[in-house]
Amino acid sequence: MTRPVRGTGSAARETVRDAKDTVRDTVRDAARDVAGPPTGDDRVLTVPNALSMLRLLGVPLFLWLMLGPEADAWAVTVLAIGGFTDWLDGKLARVLNQYSRFGEMLDPAVDRLYILAALVGLAFREIVPWWVVAVLVGRDVVLAICVFVLRRRGYGPFEVAYLGKAATFVLLYAFPLLLLGDGPATGEAVVRVIAHAFAVWGVALYLWSGLLYLAQFGRAMRRPTGPAAPAWTPSDHPREGY
């Protein structure tokens, strides 16, 4: 009679454990192929970029809800989801170390599109005057031209002024409040007063941050160009826009 080989059970458990490790590593590698490597630079398929793209798809939906059926509650919901994913993709970019040049451009661009869509919708509904739209859009156009000039001179984008990001958040709070306060009821009147306070404060911060970036632009223009020129210091958080 053949005696059982001692250690057979242990070897079987070891084989199962190795198989589990292989499956886990395969799944992890496949996820990295989709989401991008932890040190992503030029990768497009990353988790933060996917959230930014999802947020981008919400811009036309938000504008249609405002101007078509005037479904303000749903429009505010879309804007709230956009604001949450804006915070989340920046958080994930830091946690997963998945910064990318594509995300560096896309994330602030989507912020600008939400602001533009909200401004245009509010202006068409005569909730805010058109001169406010012109002032805020003009600020972004001027800074976009400055960034173009900086890149032509060999510099990177502006160093981040967190006042600019704070201004964006204040405006994104003001816009849904302006929508919710558009009505004759007493509660809507109270919301409208709070919304106008947020709007005035947000516009002031937005313009002040623009002046800070123009000061950066002026300092850069006074520096010499060429191989001996000092390098422009990029932001430590490249996904934050101006």
Protein backbone atom coordinates (compact mmCIF):
# COMPACT_ATOMS: atom_id res chain seq x y z
CA MET A 1 0.00 0.00 0.00
CA THR A 2 1.40 3.38 -0.97
CA ARG A 3 1.83 5.75 1.93
CA PRO A 4 0.62 9.34 1.38
CA VAL A 5 3.30 11.86 0.71
CA ARG A 6 3.64 14.21 3.64
CA GLY A 7 3.23 17.89 2.81
CA THR A 8 0.86 17.34 -0.12
CA GLY A 9 -1.82 19.56 1.48
CA SER A 10 0.68 22.33 2.14
CA ALA A 11 1.90 22.20 -1.47
CA ALA A 12 -1.69 22.40 -2.72
CA ARG A 13 -2.36 25.44 -0.56
CA GLU A 14 0.82 27.05 -1.87
CA THR A 15 -0.31 26.38 -5.45
CA VAL A 16 -3.71 27.96 -4.80
CA ARG A 17 -2.04 30.97 -3.17
CA ASP A 18 0.25 31.42 -6.17
CA ALA A 19 -2.74 31.23 -8.51
CA LYS A 20 -4.55 33.91 -6.49
CA ASP A 21 -1.47 36.14 -6.59
CA THR A 22 -1.26 35.68 -10.37
CA VAL A 23 -4.91 36.61 -10.85
CA ARG A 24 -4.55 39.64 -8.56
CA ASP A 25 -1.46 40.87 -10.40
CA THR A 26 -3.15 40.35 -13.77
CA VAL A 27 -6.22 42.34 -12.70
CA ARG A 28 -4.07 45.10 -11.22
CA ASP A 29 -1.97 45.37 -14.38
CA ALA A 30 -5.10 45.46 -16.53
CA ALA A 31 -6.56 48.25 -14.38
CA ARG A 32 -3.33 50.20 -14.70
CA ASP A 33 -3.47 49.80 -18.48
CA VAL A 34 -6.92 51.40 -18.48
CA ALA A 35 -6.42 54.01 -15.76
CA GLY A 36 -2.86 54.91 -16.61
CA PRO A 37 0.33 54.26 -14.67
CA PRO A 38 0.76 55.80 -11.23
CA THR A 39 3.21 58.30 -12.68
CA GLY A 40 1.12 59.17 -15.74
CA ASP A 41 2.35 62.14 -17.76
CA ASP A 42 1.04 61.97 -21.31
CA ARG A 43 -1.58 59.31 -20.58
CA VAL A 44 -5.18 60.12 -21.45
CA LEU A 45 -6.92 57.08 -19.97
CA THR A 46 -6.68 57.85 -16.26
CA VAL A 47 -9.35 57.86 -13.59
CA PRO A 48 -9.23 61.67 -13.04
CA ASN A 49 -9.47 62.31 -16.79
CA ALA A 50 -12.46 59.97 -17.06
CA LEU A 51 -14.23 62.00 -14.36
CA SER A 52 -13.36 65.24 -16.16
CA MET A 53 -14.81 63.85 -19.40
CA LEU A 54 -17.98 62.84 -17.54
CA ARG A 55 -18.20 66.35 -16.15
CA LEU A 56 -17.71 67.79 -19.65
CA LEU A 57 -20.74 65.82 -20.91
CA GLY A 58 -22.83 67.53 -18.26
CA VAL A 59 -22.22 71.05 -19.66
CA PRO A 60 -24.71 70.89 -22.59
CA LEU A 61 -27.20 69.01 -20.41
CA PHE A 62 -26.97 71.72 -17.75
CA LEU A 63 -27.49 74.51 -20.31
CA TRP A 64 -30.45 72.72 -21.92
CA LEU A 65 -32.12 72.20 -18.54
CA MET A 66 -31.74 75.92 -17.83
CA LEU A 67 -33.00 77.25 -21.16
CA GLY A 68 -35.29 74.47 -22.44
CA PRO A 69 -37.72 73.14 -19.86
CA GLU A 70 -36.26 75.51 -17.20
CA ALA A 71 -35.98 72.53 -14.88
CA ASP A 72 -33.93 74.43 -12.31
CA ALA A 73 -33.82 71.64 -9.72
CA TRP A 74 -32.36 69.22 -12.26
CA ALA A 75 -29.94 71.88 -13.55
CA VAL A 76 -28.71 72.47 -10.00
CA THR A 77 -28.31 68.71 -9.56
CA VAL A 78 -26.12 68.49 -12.67
CA LEU A 79 -24.07 71.44 -11.45
CA ALA A 80 -23.68 69.85 -8.01
CA ILE A 81 -22.49 66.58 -9.55
CA GLY A 82 -20.05 68.57 -11.68
CA GLY A 83 -18.71 70.34 -8.61
CA PHE A 84 -18.29 67.07 -6.72
CA THR A 85 -16.46 65.37 -9.59
CA ASP A 86 -14.27 68.47 -9.93
CA TRP A 87 -13.14 67.98 -6.33
CA LEU A 88 -12.92 64.21 -6.73
CA ASP A 89 -10.75 64.13 -9.86
CA GLY A 90 -8.23 66.49 -8.25
CA LYS A 91 -8.20 64.35 -5.12
CA LEU A 92 -7.71 61.14 -7.11
CA ALA A 93 -4.95 62.73 -9.19
CA ARG A 94 -3.03 63.35 -5.97
CA VAL A 95 -3.84 60.04 -4.28
CA LEU A 96 -3.16 57.89 -7.36
CA ASN A 97 -0.37 60.15 -8.63
CA GLN A 98 -2.11 60.23 -12.01
CA TYR A 99 -1.34 63.76 -13.13
CA SER A 100 -1.31 64.19 -16.89
CA ARG A 101 -0.84 67.00 -19.37
CA PHE A 102 -4.22 66.24 -20.87
CA GLY A 103 -5.87 66.52 -17.46
CA GLU A 104 -3.93 69.68 -16.72
CA MET A 105 -5.64 71.30 -19.71
CA LEU A 106 -9.03 69.56 -19.51
CA ASP A 107 -9.88 70.12 -15.85
CA PRO A 108 -9.73 73.95 -15.81
CA ALA A 109 -11.27 74.08 -19.30
CA VAL A 110 -14.37 72.23 -18.05
CA ASP A 111 -14.57 74.63 -15.10
CA ARG A 112 -14.59 77.55 -17.54
CA LEU A 113 -17.27 75.89 -19.67
CA TYR A 114 -19.55 75.41 -16.66
CA ILE A 115 -19.07 79.03 -15.67
CA LEU A 116 -19.72 80.18 -19.24
CA ALA A 117 -22.81 77.97 -19.60
CA ALA A 118 -24.21 79.19 -16.30
CA LEU A 119 -23.53 82.84 -17.15
CA VAL A 120 -25.12 82.57 -20.59
CA GLY A 121 -28.16 80.75 -19.21
CA LEU A 122 -28.62 83.24 -16.37
CA ALA A 123 -28.22 86.17 -18.75
CA PHE A 124 -30.76 84.79 -21.24
CA ARG A 125 -33.21 84.38 -18.39
CA GLU A 126 -32.40 87.96 -17.27
CA ILE A 127 -31.22 86.84 -13.83
CA VAL A 128 -27.78 88.46 -14.27
CA PRO A 129 -26.92 91.39 -16.58
CA TRP A 130 -24.94 90.77 -19.75
CA TRP A 131 -22.13 93.09 -18.63
CA VAL A 132 -21.24 90.57 -15.90
CA VAL A 133 -20.91 87.90 -18.61
CA ALA A 134 -18.67 90.22 -20.66
CA VAL A 135 -16.42 91.04 -17.68
CA LEU A 136 -15.87 87.44 -16.58
CA VAL A 137 -15.42 86.06 -20.09
CA GLY A 138 -13.09 88.97 -20.91
CA ARG A 139 -10.95 88.06 -17.91
CA ASP A 140 -10.51 84.50 -19.18
CA VAL A 141 -9.81 85.64 -22.75
CA VAL A 142 -7.07 88.02 -21.56
CA LEU A 143 -5.43 85.31 -19.44
CA ALA A 144 -5.64 82.79 -22.29
CA ILE A 145 -3.75 85.24 -24.52
CA CYS A 146 -1.16 85.70 -21.77
CA VAL A 147 -0.65 81.92 -21.49
CA PHE A 148 -0.18 81.73 -25.26
CA VAL A 149 2.48 84.46 -25.14
CA LEU A 150 4.23 82.75 -22.22
CA ARG A 151 4.39 79.46 -24.09
CA ARG A 152 5.84 81.21 -27.14
CA ARG A 153 8.60 82.55 -24.90
CA GLY A 154 9.35 79.09 -23.50
CA TYR A 155 7.52 79.35 -20.16
CA GLY A 156 4.98 76.98 -18.70
CA PRO A 157 1.49 77.90 -17.43
CA PHE A 158 0.86 80.31 -14.57
CA GLU A 159 1.85 79.38 -11.06
CA VAL A 160 -1.35 78.54 -9.24
CA ALA A 161 -3.00 81.31 -7.22
CA TYR A 162 -5.46 79.51 -4.98
CA LEU A 163 -7.55 82.67 -4.90
CA GLY A 164 -8.55 81.83 -8.48
CA LYS A 165 -9.76 78.37 -7.50
CA ALA A 166 -11.59 79.84 -4.51
CA ALA A 167 -13.29 82.35 -6.83
CA THR A 168 -14.41 79.53 -9.12
CA PHE A 169 -15.92 77.62 -6.20
CA VAL A 170 -17.75 80.72 -4.93
CA LEU A 171 -19.22 81.36 -8.38
CA LEU A 172 -20.26 77.73 -8.72
CA TYR A 173 -22.11 78.10 -5.41
CA ALA A 174 -23.66 81.41 -6.50
CA PHE A 175 -25.08 80.12 -9.80
CA PRO A 176 -27.36 77.39 -8.39
CA LEU A 177 -28.52 79.75 -5.65
CA LEU A 178 -29.42 82.34 -8.29
CA LEU A 179 -31.46 79.70 -10.07
CA LEU A 180 -33.21 78.53 -6.91
CA GLY A 181 -33.95 82.15 -5.94
CA ASP A 182 -35.65 82.96 -9.24
CA GLY A 183 -39.24 83.14 -8.01
CA PRO A 184 -41.79 85.22 -6.09
CA ALA A 185 -42.01 83.13 -2.91
CA THR A 186 -40.61 84.43 0.38
CA GLY A 187 -38.14 81.56 0.65
CA GLU A 188 -36.90 82.24 -2.87
CA ALA A 189 -36.42 85.91 -1.99
CA VAL A 190 -34.19 84.93 0.94
CA VAL A 191 -32.20 82.59 -1.28
CA ARG A 192 -31.89 85.36 -3.87
CA VAL A 193 -30.28 87.73 -1.34
CA ILE A 194 -27.74 85.06 -0.34
CA ALA A 195 -27.12 84.24 -4.00
CA HIS A 196 -26.37 87.86 -4.88
CA ALA A 197 -23.92 88.07 -1.96
CA PHE A 198 -22.11 84.97 -3.26
CA ALA A 199 -22.17 86.36 -6.81
CA VAL A 200 -20.70 89.74 -5.88
CA TRP A 201 -18.00 88.13 -3.76
CA GLY A 202 -17.21 85.55 -6.44
CA VAL A 203 -16.95 88.14 -9.22
CA ALA A 204 -14.64 90.28 -7.06
CA LEU A 205 -12.38 87.32 -6.25
CA TYR A 206 -12.39 86.21 -9.89
CA LEU A 207 -11.24 89.61 -11.10
CA TRP A 208 -8.69 89.99 -8.30
CA SER A 209 -7.17 86.61 -9.10
CA GLY A 210 -6.95 87.73 -12.72
CA LEU A 211 -4.88 90.72 -11.62
CA LEU A 212 -2.56 88.37 -9.71
CA TYR A 213 -2.00 86.33 -12.87
CA LEU A 214 -1.39 89.50 -14.88
CA ALA A 215 1.28 90.43 -12.31
CA GLN A 216 2.92 87.05 -12.94
CA PHE A 217 2.75 87.73 -16.66
CA GLY A 218 4.39 91.14 -16.21
CA ARG A 219 7.25 89.65 -14.19
CA ALA A 220 7.80 86.98 -16.82
CA MET A 221 7.90 89.55 -19.61
CA ARG A 222 10.66 91.44 -17.80
CA ARG A 223 12.88 88.35 -17.69
CA PRO A 224 15.44 87.75 -20.44
CA THR A 225 14.68 85.11 -23.05
CA GLY A 226 17.01 82.57 -24.58
CA PRO A 227 19.05 79.61 -23.25
CA ALA A 228 20.28 81.61 -20.26
CA ALA A 229 16.78 82.61 -19.16
CA PRO A 230 15.64 81.25 -15.79
CA ALA A 231 13.05 78.48 -15.96
CA TRP A 232 9.44 79.26 -15.08
CA THR A 233 8.46 77.44 -11.92
CA PRO A 234 5.41 75.22 -12.60
CA SER A 235 2.68 74.65 -10.10
CA ASP A 236 2.98 71.85 -7.57
CA HIS A 237 -0.65 71.02 -8.38
CA PRO A 238 -0.88 71.14 -12.17
CA ARG A 239 -4.55 70.13 -12.34
CA GLU A 240 -5.56 73.40 -10.69
CA GLY A 241 -6.31 76.01 -13.32
CA TYR A 242 -6.37 79.80 -13.30
